[in-house]
Structure formats: structure tokens, C-alpha cells
Amino acid sequence: MKAALKRLSTGMAAAVVTTALAAAVVPGPANAQVIVRWYPYTSAGAQSCNAAANAAGPEYYCTALKIGGTMVWALARP
């Protein structure tokens, strides 16, 4: 059970990082992102952020941010 949760967490983290990197590399009119909501930097926080991004629509994504030395998951949009 713990190994499966760790694999899920690692896979989700990789997907989030890949999405964040792709959003940063793709050229556009502006590179600003709007943070809609923060989630704890845990596997449960990643799952909640991912579910919220899926429900919000294709322009929303999750990204990992470091705010004041604390890591968080953030639901964001361009």
C-alpha cells in the first residue's frame, strides 16, 4: 500500500513539474500566472489540486511553489 502511494505521489509530482515546465517554455503574450488556490505539499494536496484543475477546465494546472521557504501545490491559470 505504501509503495503504491509513493509511486502515485511520484508520478503526480512528475506530471505537475512537466506541466509547469511546459507552461514556462511555451511562448505567449505574457508569462504571468494567476494563483487561484494553495494546497499543502503532500500527496493528498497534489490529488486535491489535480482534481480541482480537472474540474476547472483546460486552462487550469497545478504547480509546485516555494513561498517563504515552504513548498505548496498551487492551482494556477495563465
PDB file of N, CA and C in Angstrom:
ATOM      1  N   MET A   1       0.825  -1.186   0.000  1.00  0.00           N
ATOM      2  CA  MET A   1       0.000   0.000   0.000  1.00  0.00           C
ATOM      3  C   MET A   1       0.875   1.259   0.000  1.00  0.00           C
ATOM      4  N   LYS A   2       1.895   1.290   0.870  1.00  0.00           N
ATOM      5  CA  LYS A   2       2.770   2.457   0.930  1.00  0.00           C
ATOM      6  C   LYS A   2       3.556   2.628  -0.363  1.00  0.00           C
ATOM      7  N   ALA A   3       3.990   1.527  -0.940  1.00  0.00           N
ATOM      8  CA  ALA A   3       4.752   1.595  -2.192  1.00  0.00           C
ATOM      9  C   ALA A   3       3.874   2.127  -3.316  1.00  0.00           C
ATOM     10  N   ALA A   4       2.619   1.693  -3.355  1.00  0.00           N
ATOM     11  CA  ALA A   4       1.699   2.168  -4.395  1.00  0.00           C
ATOM     12  C   ALA A   4       1.430   3.653  -4.219  1.00  0.00           C
ATOM     13  N   LEU A   5       1.245   4.102  -2.991  1.00  0.00           N
ATOM     14  CA  LEU A   5       1.011   5.522  -2.721  1.00  0.00           C
ATOM     15  C   LEU A   5       2.234   6.349  -3.085  1.00  0.00           C
ATOM     16  N   LYS A   6       3.417   5.819  -2.808  1.00  0.00           N
ATOM     17  CA  LYS A   6       4.645   6.528  -3.147  1.00  0.00           C
ATOM     18  C   LYS A   6       4.799   6.647  -4.659  1.00  0.00           C
ATOM     19  N   ARG A   7       4.493   5.562  -5.395  1.00  0.00           N
ATOM     20  CA  ARG A   7       4.562   5.604  -6.862  1.00  0.00           C
ATOM     21  C   ARG A   7       3.563   6.607  -7.413  1.00  0.00           C
ATOM     22  N   LEU A   8       2.342   6.625  -6.860  1.00  0.00           N
ATOM     23  CA  LEU A   8       1.316   7.569  -7.296  1.00  0.00           C
ATOM     24  C   LEU A   8       1.768   9.000  -7.030  1.00  0.00           C
ATOM     25  N   SER A   9       2.301   9.235  -5.852  1.00  0.00           N
ATOM     26  CA  SER A   9       2.774  10.569  -5.487  1.00  0.00           C
ATOM     27  C   SER A   9       3.915  11.012  -6.394  1.00  0.00           C
ATOM     28  N   THR A  10       4.855  10.114  -6.652  1.00  0.00           N
ATOM     29  CA  THR A  10       5.993  10.435  -7.518  1.00  0.00           C
ATOM     30  C   THR A  10       5.527  10.708  -8.942  1.00  0.00           C
ATOM     31  N   GLY A  11       4.597   9.897  -9.428  1.00  0.00           N
ATOM     32  CA  GLY A  11       4.064  10.093 -10.777  1.00  0.00           C
ATOM     33  C   GLY A  11       3.325  11.400 -10.913  1.00  0.00           C
ATOM     34  N   MET A  12       2.534  11.739  -9.906  1.00  0.00           N
ATOM     35  CA  MET A  12       1.794  13.001  -9.944  1.00  0.00           C
ATOM     36  C   MET A  12       2.754  14.185  -9.875  1.00  0.00           C
ATOM     37  N   ALA A  13       3.769  14.072  -9.046  1.00  0.00           N
ATOM     38  CA  ALA A  13       4.744  15.157  -8.942  1.00  0.00           C
ATOM     39  C   ALA A  13       5.455  15.361 -10.272  1.00  0.00           C
ATOM     40  N   ALA A  14       5.816  14.272 -10.928  1.00  0.00           N
ATOM     41  CA  ALA A  14       6.481  14.383 -12.227  1.00  0.00           C
ATOM     42  C   ALA A  14       5.555  15.027 -13.254  1.00  0.00           C
ATOM     43  N   ALA A  15       4.278  14.663 -13.233  1.00  0.00           N
ATOM     44  CA  ALA A  15       3.323  15.244 -14.177  1.00  0.00           C
ATOM     45  C   ALA A  15       3.133  16.738 -13.916  1.00  0.00           C
ATOM     46  N   VAL A  16       3.074  17.106 -12.661  1.00  0.00           N
ATOM     47  CA  VAL A  16       2.906  18.516 -12.317  1.00  0.00           C
ATOM     48  C   VAL A  16       4.122  19.322 -12.731  1.00  0.00           C
ATOM     49  N   VAL A  17       5.306  18.801 -12.456  1.00  0.00           N
ATOM     50  CA  VAL A  17       6.534  19.504 -12.824  1.00  0.00           C
ATOM     51  C   VAL A  17       6.635  19.631 -14.340  1.00  0.00           C
ATOM     52  N   THR A  18       6.300  18.567 -15.056  1.00  0.00           N
ATOM     53  CA  THR A  18       6.337  18.606 -16.516  1.00  0.00           C
ATOM     54  C   THR A  18       5.369  19.646 -17.047  1.00  0.00           C
ATOM     55  N   THR A  19       4.165  19.698 -16.480  1.00  0.00           N
ATOM     56  CA  THR A  19       3.178  20.691 -16.901  1.00  0.00           C
ATOM     57  C   THR A  19       3.673  22.097 -16.609  1.00  0.00           C
ATOM     58  N   ALA A  20       4.259  22.302 -15.445  1.00  0.00           N
ATOM     59  CA  ALA A  20       4.767  23.628 -15.090  1.00  0.00           C
ATOM     60  C   ALA A  20       5.907  24.042 -16.018  1.00  0.00           C
ATOM     61  N   LEU A  21       6.796  23.106 -16.336  1.00  0.00           N
ATOM     62  CA  LEU A  21       7.898  23.423 -17.238  1.00  0.00           C
ATOM     63  C   LEU A  21       7.383  23.719 -18.641  1.00  0.00           C
ATOM     64  N   ALA A  22       6.412  22.954 -19.105  1.00  0.00           N
ATOM     65  CA  ALA A  22       5.851  23.195 -20.434  1.00  0.00           C
ATOM     66  C   ALA A  22       5.181  24.562 -20.485  1.00  0.00           C
ATOM     67  N   ALA A  23       4.475  24.937 -19.433  1.00  0.00           N
ATOM     68  CA  ALA A  23       3.823  26.244 -19.397  1.00  0.00           C
ATOM     69  C   ALA A  23       4.859  27.368 -19.392  1.00  0.00           C
ATOM     70  N   ALA A  24       5.997  27.144 -18.764  1.00  0.00           N
ATOM     71  CA  ALA A  24       7.035  28.174 -18.711  1.00  0.00           C
ATOM     72  C   ALA A  24       7.779  28.302 -20.037  1.00  0.00           C
ATOM     73  N   VAL A  25       7.866  27.215 -20.806  1.00  0.00           N
ATOM     74  CA  VAL A  25       8.626  27.222 -22.043  1.00  0.00           C
ATOM     75  C   VAL A  25       7.801  27.723 -23.223  1.00  0.00           C
ATOM     76  N   VAL A  26       6.498  27.454 -23.214  1.00  0.00           N
ATOM     77  CA  VAL A  26       5.643  27.834 -24.334  1.00  0.00           C
ATOM     78  C   VAL A  26       5.555  29.349 -24.410  1.00  0.00           C
ATOM     79  N   PRO A  27       5.912  29.928 -25.559  1.00  0.00           N
ATOM     80  CA  PRO A  27       5.845  31.379 -25.682  1.00  0.00           C
ATOM     81  C   PRO A  27       4.396  31.858 -25.725  1.00  0.00           C
ATOM     82  N   GLY A  28       4.166  33.014 -25.198  1.00  0.00           N
ATOM     83  CA  GLY A  28       2.831  33.588 -25.189  1.00  0.00           C
ATOM     84  C   GLY A  28       2.921  35.080 -24.994  1.00  0.00           C
ATOM     85  N   PRO A  29       1.781  35.730 -24.959  1.00  0.00           N
ATOM     86  CA  PRO A  29       1.792  37.176 -24.807  1.00  0.00           C
ATOM     87  C   PRO A  29       2.346  37.628 -23.459  1.00  0.00           C
ATOM     88  N   ALA A  30       2.140  36.811 -22.419  1.00  0.00           N
ATOM     89  CA  ALA A  30       2.652  37.156 -21.097  1.00  0.00           C
ATOM     90  C   ALA A  30       2.988  35.870 -20.361  1.00  0.00           C
ATOM     91  N   ASN A  31       3.975  35.904 -19.495  1.00  0.00           N
ATOM     92  CA  ASN A  31       4.353  34.734 -18.728  1.00  0.00           C
ATOM     93  C   ASN A  31       3.768  34.763 -17.323  1.00  0.00           C
ATOM     94  N   ALA A  32       2.842  35.654 -17.064  1.00  0.00           N
ATOM     95  CA  ALA A  32       2.257  35.754 -15.723  1.00  0.00           C
ATOM     96  C   ALA A  32       1.306  34.599 -15.484  1.00  0.00           C
ATOM     97  N   GLN A  33       1.260  34.147 -14.252  1.00  0.00           N
ATOM     98  CA  GLN A  33       0.284  33.134 -13.867  1.00  0.00           C
ATOM     99  C   GLN A  33      -0.493  33.656 -12.672  1.00  0.00           C
ATOM    100  N   VAL A  34      -1.744  33.280 -12.603  1.00  0.00           N
ATOM    101  CA  VAL A  34      -2.612  33.691 -11.506  1.00  0.00           C
ATOM    102  C   VAL A  34      -2.803  32.477 -10.608  1.00  0.00           C
ATOM    103  N   ILE A  35      -2.449  32.623  -9.347  1.00  0.00           N
ATOM    104  CA  ILE A  35      -2.644  31.550  -8.368  1.00  0.00           C
ATOM    105  C   ILE A  35      -4.070  31.647  -7.852  1.00  0.00           C
ATOM    106  N   VAL A  36      -4.823  30.566  -8.047  1.00  0.00           N
ATOM    107  CA  VAL A  36      -6.222  30.546  -7.648  1.00  0.00           C
ATOM    108  C   VAL A  36      -6.380  30.031  -6.226  1.00  0.00           C
ATOM    109  N   ARG A  37      -5.606  28.980  -5.890  1.00  0.00           N
ATOM    110  CA  ARG A  37      -5.724  28.376  -4.559  1.00  0.00           C
ATOM    111  C   ARG A  37      -4.451  27.625  -4.224  1.00  0.00           C
ATOM    112  N   TRP A  38      -4.118  27.533  -2.935  1.00  0.00           N
ATOM    113  CA  TRP A  38      -2.953  26.787  -2.466  1.00  0.00           C
ATOM    114  C   TRP A  38      -3.412  25.508  -1.793  1.00  0.00           C
ATOM    115  N   TYR A  39      -2.552  24.488  -1.886  1.00  0.00           N
ATOM    116  CA  TYR A  39      -2.796  23.200  -1.232  1.00  0.00           C
ATOM    117  C   TYR A  39      -1.520  22.788  -0.521  1.00  0.00           C
ATOM    118  N   PRO A  40      -1.633  21.968   0.535  1.00  0.00           N
ATOM    119  CA  PRO A  40      -0.420  21.516   1.231  1.00  0.00           C
ATOM    120  C   PRO A  40       0.455  20.679   0.301  1.00  0.00           C
ATOM    121  N   TYR A  41       1.745  20.703   0.537  1.00  0.00           N
ATOM    122  CA  TYR A  41       2.698  19.968  -0.296  1.00  0.00           C
ATOM    123  C   TYR A  41       2.785  18.526   0.194  1.00  0.00           C
ATOM    124  N   THR A  42       1.689  17.807   0.001  1.00  0.00           N
ATOM    125  CA  THR A  42       1.581  16.394   0.355  1.00  0.00           C
ATOM    126  C   THR A  42       0.944  15.672  -0.829  1.00  0.00           C
ATOM    127  N   SER A  43       0.911  14.355  -0.770  1.00  0.00           N
ATOM    128  CA  SER A  43       0.262  13.616  -1.855  1.00  0.00           C
ATOM    129  C   SER A  43      -1.235  13.917  -1.882  1.00  0.00           C
ATOM    130  N   ALA A  44      -1.852  14.093  -0.711  1.00  0.00           N
ATOM    131  CA  ALA A  44      -3.271  14.441  -0.667  1.00  0.00           C
ATOM    132  C   ALA A  44      -3.498  15.839  -1.253  1.00  0.00           C
ATOM    133  N   GLY A  45      -2.586  16.763  -0.974  1.00  0.00           N
ATOM    134  CA  GLY A  45      -2.679  18.104  -1.542  1.00  0.00           C
ATOM    135  C   GLY A  45      -2.540  18.071  -3.055  1.00  0.00           C
ATOM    136  N   ALA A  46      -1.634  17.235  -3.564  1.00  0.00           N
ATOM    137  CA  ALA A  46      -1.444  17.091  -5.011  1.00  0.00           C
ATOM    138  C   ALA A  46      -2.698  16.515  -5.656  1.00  0.00           C
ATOM    139  N   GLN A  47      -3.302  15.536  -5.017  1.00  0.00           N
ATOM    140  CA  GLN A  47      -4.522  14.941  -5.555  1.00  0.00           C
ATOM    141  C   GLN A  47      -5.662  15.956  -5.567  1.00  0.00           C
ATOM    142  N   SER A  48      -5.792  16.734  -4.497  1.00  0.00           N
ATOM    143  CA  SER A  48      -6.843  17.755  -4.434  1.00  0.00           C
ATOM    144  C   SER A  48      -6.635  18.823  -5.494  1.00  0.00           C
ATOM    145  N   CYS A  49      -5.401  19.255  -5.659  1.00  0.00           N
ATOM    146  CA  CYS A  49      -5.081  20.263  -6.665  1.00  0.00           C
ATOM    147  C   CYS A  49      -5.378  19.737  -8.062  1.00  0.00           C
ATOM    148  N   ASN A  50      -4.972  18.502  -8.330  1.00  0.00           N
ATOM    149  CA  ASN A  50      -5.210  17.893  -9.631  1.00  0.00           C
ATOM    150  C   ASN A  50      -6.706  17.758  -9.913  1.00  0.00           C
ATOM    151  N   ALA A  51      -7.479  17.347  -8.924  1.00  0.00           N
ATOM    152  CA  ALA A  51      -8.922  17.215  -9.092  1.00  0.00           C
ATOM    153  C   ALA A  51      -9.557  18.581  -9.369  1.00  0.00           C
ATOM    154  N   ALA A  52      -9.099  19.610  -8.660  1.00  0.00           N
ATOM    155  CA  ALA A  52      -9.620  20.960  -8.875  1.00  0.00           C
ATOM    156  C   ALA A  52      -9.267  21.474 -10.266  1.00  0.00           C
ATOM    157  N   ALA A  53      -8.054  21.184 -10.728  1.00  0.00           N
ATOM    158  CA  ALA A  53      -7.634  21.607 -12.069  1.00  0.00           C
ATOM    159  C   ALA A  53      -8.463  20.905 -13.139  1.00  0.00           C
ATOM    160  N   ASN A  54      -8.718  19.623 -12.958  1.00  0.00           N
ATOM    161  CA  ASN A  54      -9.537  18.883 -13.915  1.00  0.00           C
ATOM    162  C   ASN A  54     -10.958  19.419 -13.951  1.00  0.00           C
ATOM    163  N   ALA A  55     -11.504  19.780 -12.789  1.00  0.00           N
ATOM    164  CA  ALA A  55     -12.870  20.296 -12.723  1.00  0.00           C
ATOM    165  C   ALA A  55     -12.967  21.723 -13.261  1.00  0.00           C
ATOM    166  N   ALA A  56     -11.908  22.501 -13.120  1.00  0.00           N
ATOM    167  CA  ALA A  56     -11.942  23.915 -13.507  1.00  0.00           C
ATOM    168  C   ALA A  56     -11.852  24.119 -15.016  1.00  0.00           C
ATOM    169  N   GLY A  57     -11.173  23.245 -15.707  1.00  0.00           N
ATOM    170  CA  GLY A  57     -11.080  23.387 -17.154  1.00  0.00           C
ATOM    171  C   GLY A  57      -9.659  23.273 -17.662  1.00  0.00           C
ATOM    172  N   PRO A  58      -9.511  23.271 -18.993  1.00  0.00           N
ATOM    173  CA  PRO A  58      -8.193  23.003 -19.585  1.00  0.00           C
ATOM    174  C   PRO A  58      -7.154  24.096 -19.352  1.00  0.00           C
ATOM    175  N   GLU A  59      -7.561  25.300 -19.024  1.00  0.00           N
ATOM    176  CA  GLU A  59      -6.576  26.361 -18.816  1.00  0.00           C
ATOM    177  C   GLU A  59      -5.982  26.350 -17.405  1.00  0.00           C
ATOM    178  N   TYR A  60      -6.503  25.518 -16.523  1.00  0.00           N
ATOM    179  CA  TYR A  60      -6.005  25.442 -15.150  1.00  0.00           C
ATOM    180  C   TYR A  60      -5.004  24.302 -15.010  1.00  0.00           C
ATOM    181  N   TYR A  61      -4.010  24.482 -14.147  1.00  0.00           N
ATOM    182  CA  TYR A  61      -2.989  23.467 -13.919  1.00  0.00           C
ATOM    183  C   TYR A  61      -2.458  23.607 -12.497  1.00  0.00           C
ATOM    184  N   CYS A  62      -1.782  22.566 -12.033  1.00  0.00           N
ATOM    185  CA  CYS A  62      -1.151  22.585 -10.714  1.00  0.00           C
ATOM    186  C   CYS A  62       0.349  22.768 -10.889  1.00  0.00           C
ATOM    187  N   THR A  63       0.919  23.496  -9.969  1.00  0.00           N
ATOM    188  CA  THR A  63       2.359  23.707  -9.987  1.00  0.00           C
ATOM    189  C   THR A  63       2.862  23.739  -8.544  1.00  0.00           C
ATOM    190  N   ALA A  64       4.103  23.372  -8.359  1.00  0.00           N
ATOM    191  CA  ALA A  64       4.722  23.421  -7.039  1.00  0.00           C
ATOM    192  C   ALA A  64       5.424  24.767  -6.895  1.00  0.00           C
ATOM    193  N   LEU A  65       5.186  25.425  -5.775  1.00  0.00           N
ATOM    194  CA  LEU A  65       5.801  26.723  -5.498  1.00  0.00           C
ATOM    195  C   LEU A  65       6.461  26.696  -4.132  1.00  0.00           C
ATOM    196  N   LYS A  66       7.489  27.505  -3.989  1.00  0.00           N
ATOM    197  CA  LYS A  66       8.130  27.689  -2.688  1.00  0.00           C
ATOM    198  C   LYS A  66       7.806  29.107  -2.246  1.00  0.00           C
ATOM    199  N   ILE A  67       7.050  29.206  -1.159  1.00  0.00           N
ATOM    200  CA  ILE A  67       6.624  30.508  -0.654  1.00  0.00           C
ATOM    201  C   ILE A  67       7.166  30.662   0.756  1.00  0.00           C
ATOM    202  N   GLY A  68       8.051  31.605   0.927  1.00  0.00           N
ATOM    203  CA  GLY A  68       8.628  31.840   2.250  1.00  0.00           C
ATOM    204  C   GLY A  68       9.324  30.621   2.823  1.00  0.00           C
ATOM    205  N   GLY A  69       9.949  29.809   1.973  1.00  0.00           N
ATOM    206  CA  GLY A  69      10.646  28.630   2.442  1.00  0.00           C
ATOM    207  C   GLY A  69       9.768  27.402   2.606  1.00  0.00           C
ATOM    208  N   THR A  70       8.463  27.523   2.321  1.00  0.00           N
ATOM    209  CA  THR A  70       7.537  26.411   2.448  1.00  0.00           C
ATOM    210  C   THR A  70       7.024  26.019   1.073  1.00  0.00           C
ATOM    211  N   MET A  71       7.086  24.730   0.763  1.00  0.00           N
ATOM    212  CA  MET A  71       6.577  24.234  -0.508  1.00  0.00           C
ATOM    213  C   MET A  71       5.067  24.053  -0.417  1.00  0.00           C
ATOM    214  N   VAL A  72       4.377  24.428  -1.490  1.00  0.00           N
ATOM    215  CA  VAL A  72       2.928  24.233  -1.594  1.00  0.00           C
ATOM    216  C   VAL A  72       2.581  23.839  -3.025  1.00  0.00           C
ATOM    217  N   TRP A  73       1.441  23.208  -3.192  1.00  0.00           N
ATOM    218  CA  TRP A  73       0.858  22.991  -4.514  1.00  0.00           C
ATOM    219  C   TRP A  73      -0.050  24.165  -4.777  1.00  0.00           C
ATOM    220  N   ALA A  74      -0.056  24.675  -5.991  1.00  0.00           N
ATOM    221  CA  ALA A  74      -0.891  25.827  -6.318  1.00  0.00           C
ATOM    222  C   ALA A  74      -1.697  25.537  -7.577  1.00  0.00           C
ATOM    223  N   LEU A  75      -2.990  25.799  -7.491  1.00  0.00           N
ATOM    224  CA  LEU A  75      -3.850  25.758  -8.668  1.00  0.00           C
ATOM    225  C   LEU A  75      -3.686  27.086  -9.358  1.00  0.00           C
ATOM    226  N   ALA A  76      -3.298  27.054 -10.629  1.00  0.00           N
ATOM    227  CA  ALA A  76      -2.979  28.286 -11.332  1.00  0.00           C
ATOM    228  C   ALA A  76      -3.606  28.291 -12.721  1.00  0.00           C
ATOM    229  N   ARG A  77      -3.620  29.483 -13.302  1.00  0.00           N
ATOM    230  CA  ARG A  77      -4.044  29.653 -14.692  1.00  0.00           C
ATOM    231  C   ARG A  77      -3.185  30.765 -15.291  1.00  0.00           C
ATOM    232  N   PRO A  78      -3.045  30.744 -16.620  1.00  0.00           N
ATOM    233  CA  PRO A  78      -2.217  31.786 -17.257  1.00  0.00           C
ATOM    234  C   PRO A  78      -2.863  33.161 -17.179  1.00  0.00           C
TER     235      PRO A  78
END
